[in-house]
Amino acid sequence: MNKILVIQTAFIGDAVLATALLEKLHHYYPKAQIDFLVRKGNEALLEGHPYVHQVLIWQKRKYKYRHLWQLLLQIRQSQYQLVVTVQRYAATGLLTALSGAQHRIGFDKNPFSWGFTHKIVHVASSTLHEIDKNQQLIATFTDAQAAKPRLYPRKADLQKVAPYQHGNYICIAPTSVWYTKQFPAEKWIALIQSLPTHLTIYLLGAPTDTALCQSIADQSGSAKVVNLCGQLSFLASAALMQRAVMNYVNDSAPMHFASSVNAPVTAIYCSTVPAFGYGPLSDRRFIIESAENLSCKPCGVHGQATCPLQHFRCAHSITNDQLLAVLDQA
């Protein structure tokens, strides 16, 4: 196997989890050229990746269909032997089915699975993590055991965060794209006010999260809180998380950043559940959920824009003591 393409053009966290395939494929085919197709914006995850020869980028928002055809021509010209699409959607199925590769692999639920040489049954199982489901795609060419996802912060990323890594610190990534996945700001403030005073707290997020995180920092009243939103790249954020005493995150991309560098992580699940298959994978991992038996949870796979019942008990009933208890176990 000389040329391989892996396709995952979904959100950031999905792309991180798909790096597990890169690990496994490189292990079995160390001399192969492995390329990775991602959506525009996620390419920064792969900068300096030792196993990725080329990152292909789909301009999914701006030039969606026009660029899709350009990508198809590029893929066909590259003459891959193996093309794997992790997604079950038509666009990436089209690229795979018409890639011209000898081996074209995807899940059977993809609308273009008729053009795959290997159709893998996608099982909506609560016993399998997403990386295990993805591993089934390449099990015939490798083995059945999934590798862990991994990111590779560069020297520049390590240098960027080095000034923040003196003494003990905690990272908190308080935001999420989905409202019902996001632990409420007042709960984060209460946690910060309860943390041991010798710990520095770094708030992580995108530039769009800056205002909310600054509000959390200000209302906490702690001089030990540093708002780093928008100041660190994906890889630099992962590098900072790697040496933290603990990383507190929602069920969102920063959880997968932590997994990718085996950083200690506490994942807070509000409206979603780990059984969906996207839980943390670090050796030191903790899952926090409401102790209440809520019949309305989960209310959706990806979260909601608002709580459908307007009470958001799945978040508000999580206690500060639950969050603090993990520090004794970390």
C-alpha atoms as a PDB file:
ATOM      1  CA  MET A   1       0.000   0.000   0.000  1.00  0.00           C
ATOM      2  CA  ASN A   2       1.757   3.143  -1.223  1.00  0.00           C
ATOM      3  CA  LYS A   3      -0.869   5.929  -1.234  1.00  0.00           C
ATOM      4  CA  ILE A   4      -3.724   6.289   1.237  1.00  0.00           C
ATOM      5  CA  LEU A   5      -6.369   8.970   1.732  1.00  0.00           C
ATOM      6  CA  VAL A   6      -8.473   9.347   4.885  1.00  0.00           C
ATOM      7  CA  ILE A   7     -11.522  11.617   4.651  1.00  0.00           C
ATOM      8  CA  GLN A   8     -13.142  13.332   7.651  1.00  0.00           C
ATOM      9  CA  THR A   9     -14.683  16.720   6.917  1.00  0.00           C
ATOM     10  CA  ALA A  10     -16.924  17.040   9.976  1.00  0.00           C
ATOM     11  CA  PHE A  11     -16.243  19.163  13.064  1.00  0.00           C
ATOM     12  CA  ILE A  12     -12.957  19.630  14.903  1.00  0.00           C
ATOM     13  CA  GLY A  13     -13.521  16.887  17.459  1.00  0.00           C
ATOM     14  CA  ASP A  14     -14.415  14.385  14.744  1.00  0.00           C
ATOM     15  CA  ALA A  15     -11.199  15.197  12.896  1.00  0.00           C
ATOM     16  CA  VAL A  16      -9.173  14.672  16.073  1.00  0.00           C
ATOM     17  CA  LEU A  17     -10.748  11.264  16.635  1.00  0.00           C
ATOM     18  CA  ALA A  18     -10.006  10.292  13.024  1.00  0.00           C
ATOM     19  CA  THR A  19      -6.282  10.766  13.680  1.00  0.00           C
ATOM     20  CA  ALA A  20      -6.460   7.354  15.351  1.00  0.00           C
ATOM     21  CA  LEU A  21      -6.694   5.920  11.833  1.00  0.00           C
ATOM     22  CA  LEU A  22      -3.525   7.727  10.842  1.00  0.00           C
ATOM     23  CA  GLU A  23      -1.704   6.114  13.758  1.00  0.00           C
ATOM     24  CA  LYS A  24      -2.851   2.628  12.827  1.00  0.00           C
ATOM     25  CA  LEU A  25      -2.278   2.971   9.089  1.00  0.00           C
ATOM     26  CA  HIS A  26       1.215   4.337   9.606  1.00  0.00           C
ATOM     27  CA  HIS A  27       2.030   1.454  11.930  1.00  0.00           C
ATOM     28  CA  TYR A  28       1.074  -1.094   9.273  1.00  0.00           C
ATOM     29  CA  TYR A  29       2.299   0.854   6.238  1.00  0.00           C
ATOM     30  CA  PRO A  30       5.203   2.981   7.506  1.00  0.00           C
ATOM     31  CA  LYS A  31       6.430   3.815   3.993  1.00  0.00           C
ATOM     32  CA  ALA A  32       3.025   4.762   2.587  1.00  0.00           C
ATOM     33  CA  GLN A  33       2.045   8.321   1.684  1.00  0.00           C
ATOM     34  CA  ILE A  34      -0.935   9.091   3.900  1.00  0.00           C
ATOM     35  CA  ASP A  35      -3.053  12.141   3.064  1.00  0.00           C
ATOM     36  CA  PHE A  36      -5.921  13.528   5.123  1.00  0.00           C
ATOM     37  CA  LEU A  37      -8.922  15.474   3.793  1.00  0.00           C
ATOM     38  CA  VAL A  38     -10.550  17.887   6.256  1.00  0.00           C
ATOM     39  CA  ARG A  39     -12.889  20.857   6.104  1.00  0.00           C
ATOM     40  CA  LYS A  40     -11.446  24.371   5.921  1.00  0.00           C
ATOM     41  CA  GLY A  41     -10.357  25.468   9.393  1.00  0.00           C
ATOM     42  CA  ASN A  42      -9.382  22.036  10.679  1.00  0.00           C
ATOM     43  CA  GLU A  43      -6.125  21.826   8.729  1.00  0.00           C
ATOM     44  CA  ALA A  44      -4.295  23.495  11.626  1.00  0.00           C
ATOM     45  CA  LEU A  45      -4.695  20.266  13.587  1.00  0.00           C
ATOM     46  CA  LEU A  46      -2.321  18.508  11.201  1.00  0.00           C
ATOM     47  CA  GLU A  47       0.471  21.078  10.976  1.00  0.00           C
ATOM     48  CA  GLY A  48       3.758  19.251  11.381  1.00  0.00           C
ATOM     49  CA  HIS A  49       2.047  15.867  11.742  1.00  0.00           C
ATOM     50  CA  PRO A  50       4.794  13.278  11.191  1.00  0.00           C
ATOM     51  CA  TYR A  51       2.540  10.757   9.442  1.00  0.00           C
ATOM     52  CA  VAL A  52       0.622  13.062   7.103  1.00  0.00           C
ATOM     53  CA  HIS A  53       2.154  13.759   3.722  1.00  0.00           C
ATOM     54  CA  GLN A  54      -0.475  16.225   2.502  1.00  0.00           C
ATOM     55  CA  VAL A  55      -3.581  17.825   3.985  1.00  0.00           C
ATOM     56  CA  LEU A  56      -6.394  18.300   1.485  1.00  0.00           C
ATOM     57  CA  ILE A  57      -8.854  21.053   2.397  1.00  0.00           C
ATOM     58  CA  TRP A  58     -12.509  21.237   1.418  1.00  0.00           C
ATOM     59  CA  GLN A  59     -13.889  24.775   1.249  1.00  0.00           C
ATOM     60  CA  LYS A  60     -17.114  23.387   2.650  1.00  0.00           C
ATOM     61  CA  ARG A  61     -18.853  26.667   3.409  1.00  0.00           C
ATOM     62  CA  LYS A  62     -17.743  29.115   0.765  1.00  0.00           C
ATOM     63  CA  TYR A  63     -17.429  27.025  -2.405  1.00  0.00           C
ATOM     64  CA  LYS A  64     -19.057  23.792  -1.260  1.00  0.00           C
ATOM     65  CA  TYR A  65     -20.054  21.999  -4.478  1.00  0.00           C
ATOM     66  CA  ARG A  66     -17.690  23.704  -6.901  1.00  0.00           C
ATOM     67  CA  HIS A  67     -14.735  22.854  -4.707  1.00  0.00           C
ATOM     68  CA  LEU A  68     -16.044  19.329  -4.164  1.00  0.00           C
ATOM     69  CA  TRP A  69     -15.647  18.613  -7.884  1.00  0.00           C
ATOM     70  CA  GLN A  70     -12.174  20.159  -7.855  1.00  0.00           C
ATOM     71  CA  LEU A  71     -11.262  17.841  -4.998  1.00  0.00           C
ATOM     72  CA  LEU A  72     -12.618  14.846  -6.884  1.00  0.00           C
ATOM     73  CA  LEU A  73     -10.364  15.625  -9.851  1.00  0.00           C
ATOM     74  CA  GLN A  74      -7.394  16.051  -7.519  1.00  0.00           C
ATOM     75  CA  ILE A  75      -8.124  12.761  -5.771  1.00  0.00           C
ATOM     76  CA  ARG A  76      -8.468  10.854  -9.041  1.00  0.00           C
ATOM     77  CA  GLN A  77      -5.206  12.325 -10.332  1.00  0.00           C
ATOM     78  CA  SER A  78      -3.409  11.269  -7.150  1.00  0.00           C
ATOM     79  CA  GLN A  79      -4.145   7.588  -7.869  1.00  0.00           C
ATOM     80  CA  TYR A  80      -4.655   6.449  -4.292  1.00  0.00           C
ATOM     81  CA  GLN A  81      -4.710   2.734  -3.638  1.00  0.00           C
ATOM     82  CA  LEU A  82      -6.866   3.076  -0.540  1.00  0.00           C
ATOM     83  CA  VAL A  83      -9.491   5.741   0.211  1.00  0.00           C
ATOM     84  CA  VAL A  84     -11.392   5.666   3.504  1.00  0.00           C
ATOM     85  CA  THR A  85     -14.301   7.933   4.349  1.00  0.00           C
ATOM     86  CA  VAL A  86     -15.230   8.040   8.004  1.00  0.00           C
ATOM     87  CA  GLN A  87     -18.481   9.867   7.348  1.00  0.00           C
ATOM     88  CA  ARG A  88     -21.905   8.624   6.360  1.00  0.00           C
ATOM     89  CA  TYR A  89     -22.821  11.615   4.211  1.00  0.00           C
ATOM     90  CA  ALA A  90     -23.206  11.868   0.452  1.00  0.00           C
ATOM     91  CA  ALA A  91     -20.426  14.351  -0.343  1.00  0.00           C
ATOM     92  CA  THR A  92     -17.570  12.321   1.096  1.00  0.00           C
ATOM     93  CA  GLY A  93     -19.184   9.129  -0.148  1.00  0.00           C
ATOM     94  CA  LEU A  94     -19.125  10.583  -3.664  1.00  0.00           C
ATOM     95  CA  LEU A  95     -15.412  11.399  -3.374  1.00  0.00           C
ATOM     96  CA  THR A  96     -14.709   7.860  -2.209  1.00  0.00           C
ATOM     97  CA  ALA A  97     -16.904   6.025  -4.700  1.00  0.00           C
ATOM     98  CA  LEU A  98     -15.497   7.941  -7.676  1.00  0.00           C
ATOM     99  CA  SER A  99     -11.908   8.193  -6.403  1.00  0.00           C
ATOM    100  CA  GLY A 100     -10.609   5.514  -8.732  1.00  0.00           C
ATOM    101  CA  ALA A 101      -8.856   3.814  -5.814  1.00  0.00           C
ATOM    102  CA  GLN A 102      -8.464   0.065  -5.813  1.00  0.00           C
ATOM    103  CA  HIS A 103      -9.890  -0.090  -2.291  1.00  0.00           C
ATOM    104  CA  ARG A 104     -12.781   2.272  -1.463  1.00  0.00           C
ATOM    105  CA  ILE A 105     -14.089   1.961   2.070  1.00  0.00           C
ATOM    106  CA  GLY A 106     -16.964   3.499   3.992  1.00  0.00           C
ATOM    107  CA  PHE A 107     -19.986   2.730   6.122  1.00  0.00           C
ATOM    108  CA  ASP A 108     -22.999   1.021   4.574  1.00  0.00           C
ATOM    109  CA  LYS A 109     -25.281   3.918   5.555  1.00  0.00           C
ATOM    110  CA  ASN A 110     -23.490   6.268   3.149  1.00  0.00           C
ATOM    111  CA  PRO A 111     -25.732   7.048   0.138  1.00  0.00           C
ATOM    112  CA  PHE A 112     -22.807   6.277  -2.183  1.00  0.00           C
ATOM    113  CA  SER A 113     -21.881   2.978  -0.534  1.00  0.00           C
ATOM    114  CA  TRP A 114     -22.850   1.229  -3.795  1.00  0.00           C
ATOM    115  CA  GLY A 115     -19.516   2.510  -5.123  1.00  0.00           C
ATOM    116  CA  PHE A 116     -17.416   1.170  -2.237  1.00  0.00           C
ATOM    117  CA  THR A 117     -15.374  -2.006  -2.516  1.00  0.00           C
ATOM    118  CA  HIS A 118     -15.707  -2.518   1.240  1.00  0.00           C
ATOM    119  CA  LYS A 119     -18.996  -1.573   2.936  1.00  0.00           C
ATOM    120  CA  ILE A 120     -18.766  -1.695   6.712  1.00  0.00           C
ATOM    121  CA  VAL A 121     -21.934  -2.078   8.753  1.00  0.00           C
ATOM    122  CA  HIS A 122     -22.354   0.949  10.983  1.00  0.00           C
ATOM    123  CA  VAL A 123     -23.708  -0.127  14.348  1.00  0.00           C
ATOM    124  CA  ALA A 124     -25.300   2.504  16.583  1.00  0.00           C
ATOM    125  CA  SER A 125     -23.928   0.796  19.672  1.00  0.00           C
ATOM    126  CA  SER A 126     -23.487   2.310  23.118  1.00  0.00           C
ATOM    127  CA  THR A 127     -20.706  -0.174  23.842  1.00  0.00           C
ATOM    128  CA  LEU A 128     -18.364   1.125  21.142  1.00  0.00           C
ATOM    129  CA  HIS A 129     -16.404   4.344  21.167  1.00  0.00           C
ATOM    130  CA  GLU A 130     -16.237   6.287  17.915  1.00  0.00           C
ATOM    131  CA  ILE A 131     -12.593   5.291  17.427  1.00  0.00           C
ATOM    132  CA  ASP A 132     -13.615   1.622  17.608  1.00  0.00           C
ATOM    133  CA  LYS A 133     -16.351   2.154  15.029  1.00  0.00           C
ATOM    134  CA  ASN A 134     -13.873   3.939  12.760  1.00  0.00           C
ATOM    135  CA  GLN A 135     -11.301   1.195  13.215  1.00  0.00           C
ATOM    136  CA  GLN A 136     -13.721  -1.291  11.682  1.00  0.00           C
ATOM    137  CA  LEU A 137     -13.242   0.550   8.399  1.00  0.00           C
ATOM    138  CA  ILE A 138      -9.591  -0.473   8.170  1.00  0.00           C
ATOM    139  CA  ALA A 139      -9.610  -3.687  10.209  1.00  0.00           C
ATOM    140  CA  THR A 140      -9.150  -5.782   7.061  1.00  0.00           C
ATOM    141  CA  PHE A 141      -5.962  -3.895   6.252  1.00  0.00           C
ATOM    142  CA  THR A 142      -4.637  -3.616   9.818  1.00  0.00           C
ATOM    143  CA  ASP A 143      -6.287  -5.276  12.828  1.00  0.00           C
ATOM    144  CA  ALA A 144      -9.353  -4.894  15.012  1.00  0.00           C
ATOM    145  CA  GLN A 145      -7.698  -2.910  17.812  1.00  0.00           C
ATOM    146  CA  ALA A 146      -8.209   0.855  17.586  1.00  0.00           C
ATOM    147  CA  ALA A 147      -5.294   3.184  18.165  1.00  0.00           C
ATOM    148  CA  LYS A 148      -5.791   6.308  20.236  1.00  0.00           C
ATOM    149  CA  PRO A 149      -6.128   9.665  18.490  1.00  0.00           C
ATOM    150  CA  ARG A 150      -3.024  11.800  18.631  1.00  0.00           C
ATOM    151  CA  LEU A 151      -1.998  15.352  17.849  1.00  0.00           C
ATOM    152  CA  TYR A 152       1.609  16.462  17.576  1.00  0.00           C
ATOM    153  CA  PRO A 153       2.281  19.958  18.936  1.00  0.00           C
ATOM    154  CA  ARG A 154       5.304  21.441  17.177  1.00  0.00           C
ATOM    155  CA  LYS A 155       8.345  23.026  18.764  1.00  0.00           C
ATOM    156  CA  ALA A 156       6.787  26.435  18.142  1.00  0.00           C
ATOM    157  CA  ASP A 157       3.622  25.362  19.984  1.00  0.00           C
ATOM    158  CA  LEU A 158       5.632  24.165  22.962  1.00  0.00           C
ATOM    159  CA  GLN A 159       7.566  27.415  23.031  1.00  0.00           C
ATOM    160  CA  LYS A 160       4.341  29.404  22.848  1.00  0.00           C
ATOM    161  CA  VAL A 161       2.903  27.844  25.999  1.00  0.00           C
ATOM    162  CA  ALA A 162       6.146  27.437  27.966  1.00  0.00           C
ATOM    163  CA  PRO A 163       5.723  30.805  29.787  1.00  0.00           C
ATOM    164  CA  TYR A 164       2.379  29.598  31.158  1.00  0.00           C
ATOM    165  CA  GLN A 165       3.674  26.283  32.476  1.00  0.00           C
ATOM    166  CA  HIS A 166       5.471  27.443  35.604  1.00  0.00           C
ATOM    167  CA  GLY A 167       3.881  25.990  38.718  1.00  0.00           C
ATOM    168  CA  ASN A 168       0.659  24.019  38.920  1.00  0.00           C
ATOM    169  CA  TYR A 169      -2.274  25.039  36.778  1.00  0.00           C
ATOM    170  CA  ILE A 170      -5.703  23.999  35.557  1.00  0.00           C
ATOM    171  CA  CYS A 171      -7.213  24.554  32.120  1.00  0.00           C
ATOM    172  CA  ILE A 172     -10.912  25.213  31.676  1.00  0.00           C
ATOM    173  CA  ALA A 173     -12.606  25.243  28.267  1.00  0.00           C
ATOM    174  CA  PRO A 174     -16.017  26.615  29.276  1.00  0.00           C
ATOM    175  CA  THR A 175     -17.815  26.981  25.947  1.00  0.00           C
ATOM    176  CA  SER A 176     -19.491  24.816  23.327  1.00  0.00           C
ATOM    177  CA  VAL A 177     -21.214  25.395  20.015  1.00  0.00           C
ATOM    178  CA  TRP A 178     -24.367  23.902  21.561  1.00  0.00           C
ATOM    179  CA  TYR A 179     -26.089  25.620  24.476  1.00  0.00           C
ATOM    180  CA  THR A 180     -27.171  22.374  26.177  1.00  0.00           C
ATOM    181  CA  LYS A 181     -23.626  20.992  26.035  1.00  0.00           C
ATOM    182  CA  GLN A 182     -22.228  24.086  27.739  1.00  0.00           C
ATOM    183  CA  PHE A 183     -21.914  24.064  31.512  1.00  0.00           C
ATOM    184  CA  PRO A 184     -23.401  27.381  32.701  1.00  0.00           C
ATOM    185  CA  ALA A 185     -21.069  30.329  33.313  1.00  0.00           C
ATOM    186  CA  GLU A 186     -22.183  30.732  36.925  1.00  0.00           C
ATOM    187  CA  LYS A 187     -21.234  27.120  37.612  1.00  0.00           C
ATOM    188  CA  TRP A 188     -17.756  27.684  36.171  1.00  0.00           C
ATOM    189  CA  ILE A 189     -17.404  30.777  38.349  1.00  0.00           C
ATOM    190  CA  ALA A 190     -18.353  28.785  41.439  1.00  0.00           C
ATOM    191  CA  LEU A 191     -15.772  26.137  40.562  1.00  0.00           C
ATOM    192  CA  ILE A 192     -13.012  28.708  40.098  1.00  0.00           C
ATOM    193  CA  GLN A 193     -13.834  30.314  43.455  1.00  0.00           C
ATOM    194  CA  SER A 194     -13.557  26.893  45.129  1.00  0.00           C
ATOM    195  CA  LEU A 195     -10.258  25.783  43.610  1.00  0.00           C
ATOM    196  CA  PRO A 196      -7.085  25.748  45.712  1.00  0.00           C
ATOM    197  CA  THR A 197      -5.518  29.210  45.641  1.00  0.00           C
ATOM    198  CA  HIS A 198      -2.078  27.972  44.579  1.00  0.00           C
ATOM    199  CA  LEU A 199      -3.460  26.903  41.179  1.00  0.00           C
ATOM    200  CA  THR A 200      -3.412  29.165  38.130  1.00  0.00           C
ATOM    201  CA  ILE A 201      -6.498  28.822  35.937  1.00  0.00           C
ATOM    202  CA  TYR A 202      -6.235  29.208  32.156  1.00  0.00           C
ATOM    203  CA  LEU A 203      -9.437  29.728  30.194  1.00  0.00           C
ATOM    204  CA  LEU A 204      -9.246  28.283  26.676  1.00  0.00           C
ATOM    205  CA  GLY A 205     -11.413  28.892  23.642  1.00  0.00           C
ATOM    206  CA  ALA A 206     -11.804  30.487  20.235  1.00  0.00           C
ATOM    207  CA  PRO A 207     -11.666  34.251  19.621  1.00  0.00           C
ATOM    208  CA  THR A 208     -15.484  34.253  19.690  1.00  0.00           C
ATOM    209  CA  ASP A 209     -15.361  32.941  23.268  1.00  0.00           C
ATOM    210  CA  THR A 210     -13.235  35.819  24.554  1.00  0.00           C
ATOM    211  CA  ALA A 211     -16.050  37.963  25.961  1.00  0.00           C
ATOM    212  CA  LEU A 212     -17.747  35.137  27.839  1.00  0.00           C
ATOM    213  CA  CYS A 213     -14.470  33.902  29.290  1.00  0.00           C
ATOM    214  CA  GLN A 214     -13.477  37.405  30.329  1.00  0.00           C
ATOM    215  CA  SER A 215     -16.820  37.743  32.091  1.00  0.00           C
ATOM    216  CA  ILE A 216     -16.178  34.465  33.913  1.00  0.00           C
ATOM    217  CA  ALA A 217     -12.699  35.642  34.898  1.00  0.00           C
ATOM    218  CA  ASP A 218     -13.963  39.007  36.129  1.00  0.00           C
ATOM    219  CA  GLN A 219     -16.872  37.604  38.111  1.00  0.00           C
ATOM    220  CA  SER A 220     -14.709  34.960  39.737  1.00  0.00           C
ATOM    221  CA  GLY A 221     -12.761  37.716  41.469  1.00  0.00           C
ATOM    222  CA  SER A 222      -9.586  35.662  41.197  1.00  0.00           C
ATOM    223  CA  ALA A 223      -6.293  37.184  40.122  1.00  0.00           C
ATOM    224  CA  LYS A 224      -5.131  33.670  39.222  1.00  0.00           C
ATOM    225  CA  VAL A 225      -7.436  33.411  36.189  1.00  0.00           C
ATOM    226  CA  VAL A 226      -5.897  34.081  32.778  1.00  0.00           C
ATOM    227  CA  ASN A 227      -8.104  34.389  29.703  1.00  0.00           C
ATOM    228  CA  LEU A 228      -6.257  32.803  26.753  1.00  0.00           C
ATOM    229  CA  CYS A 229      -9.190  32.653  24.345  1.00  0.00           C
ATOM    230  CA  GLY A 230      -8.091  33.294  20.791  1.00  0.00           C
ATOM    231  CA  GLN A 231      -4.421  33.435  21.743  1.00  0.00           C
ATOM    232  CA  LEU A 232      -3.477  29.790  21.208  1.00  0.00           C
ATOM    233  CA  SER A 233      -3.740  27.537  18.178  1.00  0.00           C
ATOM    234  CA  PHE A 234      -5.330  24.098  18.419  1.00  0.00           C
ATOM    235  CA  LEU A 235      -1.931  22.479  18.834  1.00  0.00           C
ATOM    236  CA  ALA A 236      -0.711  25.026  21.367  1.00  0.00           C
ATOM    237  CA  SER A 237      -3.893  24.524  23.392  1.00  0.00           C
ATOM    238  CA  ALA A 238      -3.264  20.775  23.404  1.00  0.00           C
ATOM    239  CA  ALA A 239       0.338  21.380  24.484  1.00  0.00           C
ATOM    240  CA  LEU A 240      -0.806  23.531  27.400  1.00  0.00           C
ATOM    241  CA  MET A 241      -3.408  20.963  28.451  1.00  0.00           C
ATOM    242  CA  GLN A 242      -0.818  18.190  28.434  1.00  0.00           C
ATOM    243  CA  ARG A 243       0.930  19.401  31.596  1.00  0.00           C
ATOM    244  CA  ALA A 244      -2.115  20.665  33.475  1.00  0.00           C
ATOM    245  CA  VAL A 245      -3.082  19.250  36.849  1.00  0.00           C
ATOM    246  CA  MET A 246      -6.562  18.892  35.370  1.00  0.00           C
ATOM    247  CA  ASN A 247      -8.502  20.005  32.300  1.00  0.00           C
ATOM    248  CA  TYR A 248     -12.185  20.757  32.782  1.00  0.00           C
ATOM    249  CA  VAL A 249     -14.149  20.587  29.533  1.00  0.00           C
ATOM    250  CA  ASN A 250     -17.630  20.157  28.100  1.00  0.00           C
ATOM    251  CA  ASP A 251     -18.572  17.347  25.735  1.00  0.00           C
ATOM    252  CA  SER A 252     -16.816  19.182  22.918  1.00  0.00           C
ATOM    253  CA  ALA A 253     -13.575  19.486  20.946  1.00  0.00           C
ATOM    254  CA  PRO A 254     -11.241  20.384  23.878  1.00  0.00           C
ATOM    255  CA  MET A 255     -12.096  17.014  25.417  1.00  0.00           C
ATOM    256  CA  HIS A 256     -10.624  15.358  22.330  1.00  0.00           C
ATOM    257  CA  PHE A 257      -7.600  17.688  22.437  1.00  0.00           C
ATOM    258  CA  ALA A 258      -6.916  16.351  25.921  1.00  0.00           C
ATOM    259  CA  SER A 259      -7.301  12.755  24.740  1.00  0.00           C
ATOM    260  CA  SER A 260      -4.931  13.385  21.832  1.00  0.00           C
ATOM    261  CA  VAL A 261      -2.046  14.251  24.179  1.00  0.00           C
ATOM    262  CA  ASN A 262      -3.146  11.933  27.013  1.00  0.00           C
ATOM    263  CA  ALA A 263      -3.784  14.875  29.324  1.00  0.00           C
ATOM    264  CA  PRO A 264      -5.849  14.472  32.510  1.00  0.00           C
ATOM    265  CA  VAL A 265      -9.419  15.478  31.771  1.00  0.00           C
ATOM    266  CA  THR A 266     -12.761  15.921  33.480  1.00  0.00           C
ATOM    267  CA  ALA A 267     -15.586  15.916  30.958  1.00  0.00           C
ATOM    268  CA  ILE A 268     -18.887  17.471  32.008  1.00  0.00           C
ATOM    269  CA  TYR A 269     -21.923  16.004  30.283  1.00  0.00           C
ATOM    270  CA  CYS A 270     -25.030  18.154  30.444  1.00  0.00           C
ATOM    271  CA  SER A 271     -27.629  17.142  27.842  1.00  0.00           C
ATOM    272  CA  THR A 272     -25.567  14.427  26.137  1.00  0.00           C
ATOM    273  CA  VAL A 273     -24.195  11.122  27.439  1.00  0.00           C
ATOM    274  CA  PRO A 274     -20.872   9.250  27.064  1.00  0.00           C
ATOM    275  CA  ALA A 275     -22.796   6.301  25.640  1.00  0.00           C
ATOM    276  CA  PHE A 276     -23.030   8.174  22.342  1.00  0.00           C
ATOM    277  CA  GLY A 277     -19.438   7.028  21.841  1.00  0.00           C
ATOM    278  CA  TYR A 278     -17.480  10.263  22.138  1.00  0.00           C
ATOM    279  CA  GLY A 279     -16.126  10.029  25.677  1.00  0.00           C
ATOM    280  CA  PRO A 280     -12.625  11.018  26.842  1.00  0.00           C
ATOM    281  CA  LEU A 281      -9.778   8.575  26.199  1.00  0.00           C
ATOM    282  CA  SER A 282      -6.951   9.854  28.414  1.00  0.00           C
ATOM    283  CA  ASP A 283      -5.514   7.473  30.979  1.00  0.00           C
ATOM    284  CA  ARG A 284      -6.721   9.845  33.733  1.00  0.00           C
ATOM    285  CA  ARG A 285     -10.267  10.692  32.776  1.00  0.00           C
ATOM    286  CA  PHE A 286     -13.346  11.543  34.761  1.00  0.00           C
ATOM    287  CA  ILE A 287     -16.946  11.939  33.662  1.00  0.00           C
ATOM    288  CA  ILE A 288     -19.303  14.248  35.521  1.00  0.00           C
ATOM    289  CA  GLU A 289     -23.069  14.045  35.085  1.00  0.00           C
ATOM    290  CA  SER A 290     -26.145  14.948  37.055  1.00  0.00           C
ATOM    291  CA  ALA A 291     -26.910  12.507  39.847  1.00  0.00           C
ATOM    292  CA  GLU A 292     -30.610  12.987  39.138  1.00  0.00           C
ATOM    293  CA  ASN A 293     -32.487  10.436  37.055  1.00  0.00           C
ATOM    294  CA  LEU A 294     -33.672  12.771  34.315  1.00  0.00           C
ATOM    295  CA  SER A 295     -36.131  11.260  31.845  1.00  0.00           C
ATOM    296  CA  CYS A 296     -35.380  14.073  29.384  1.00  0.00           C
ATOM    297  CA  LYS A 297     -31.665  13.232  29.134  1.00  0.00           C
ATOM    298  CA  PRO A 298     -30.292  12.893  26.531  1.00  0.00           C
ATOM    299  CA  CYS A 299     -32.389  15.306  24.505  1.00  0.00           C
ATOM    300  CA  GLY A 300     -30.303  14.945  21.333  1.00  0.00           C
ATOM    301  CA  VAL A 301     -27.072  13.583  19.952  1.00  0.00           C
ATOM    302  CA  HIS A 302     -25.497  16.981  19.303  1.00  0.00           C
ATOM    303  CA  GLY A 303     -27.140  19.107  21.955  1.00  0.00           C
ATOM    304  CA  GLN A 304     -29.769  21.805  21.513  1.00  0.00           C
ATOM    305  CA  ALA A 305     -29.856  25.566  21.067  1.00  0.00           C
ATOM    306  CA  THR A 306     -31.991  25.780  24.221  1.00  0.00           C
ATOM    307  CA  CYS A 307     -33.271  23.357  26.831  1.00  0.00           C
ATOM    308  CA  PRO A 308     -36.499  21.926  25.352  1.00  0.00           C
ATOM    309  CA  LEU A 309     -38.113  21.946  28.797  1.00  0.00           C
ATOM    310  CA  GLN A 310     -36.612  25.294  29.828  1.00  0.00           C
ATOM    311  CA  HIS A 311     -35.147  24.029  33.114  1.00  0.00           C
ATOM    312  CA  PHE A 312     -31.694  22.735  32.066  1.00  0.00           C
ATOM    313  CA  ARG A 313     -31.612  20.437  35.084  1.00  0.00           C
ATOM    314  CA  CYS A 314     -28.973  18.221  33.455  1.00  0.00           C
ATOM    315  CA  ALA A 315     -26.506  21.073  34.000  1.00  0.00           C
ATOM    316  CA  HIS A 316     -27.817  22.940  37.022  1.00  0.00           C
ATOM    317  CA  SER A 317     -28.076  19.813  39.180  1.00  0.00           C
ATOM    318  CA  ILE A 318     -24.360  19.036  38.809  1.00  0.00           C
ATOM    319  CA  THR A 319     -22.669  20.065  42.045  1.00  0.00           C
ATOM    320  CA  ASN A 320     -19.418  21.842  42.737  1.00  0.00           C
ATOM    321  CA  ASP A 321     -18.392  18.982  45.019  1.00  0.00           C
ATOM    322  CA  GLN A 322     -18.537  16.593  42.053  1.00  0.00           C
ATOM    323  CA  LEU A 323     -16.087  18.760  40.137  1.00  0.00           C
ATOM    324  CA  LEU A 324     -13.707  19.243  43.033  1.00  0.00           C
ATOM    325  CA  ALA A 325     -13.645  15.563  43.991  1.00  0.00           C
ATOM    326  CA  VAL A 326     -11.674  14.615  40.873  1.00  0.00           C
ATOM    327  CA  LEU A 327      -8.682  16.683  42.005  1.00  0.00           C
ATOM    328  CA  ASP A 328      -8.150  14.274  44.907  1.00  0.00           C
ATOM    329  CA  GLN A 329      -8.150  11.387  42.433  1.00  0.00           C
ATOM    330  CA  ALA A 330      -5.991  13.052  39.804  1.00  0.00           C
END
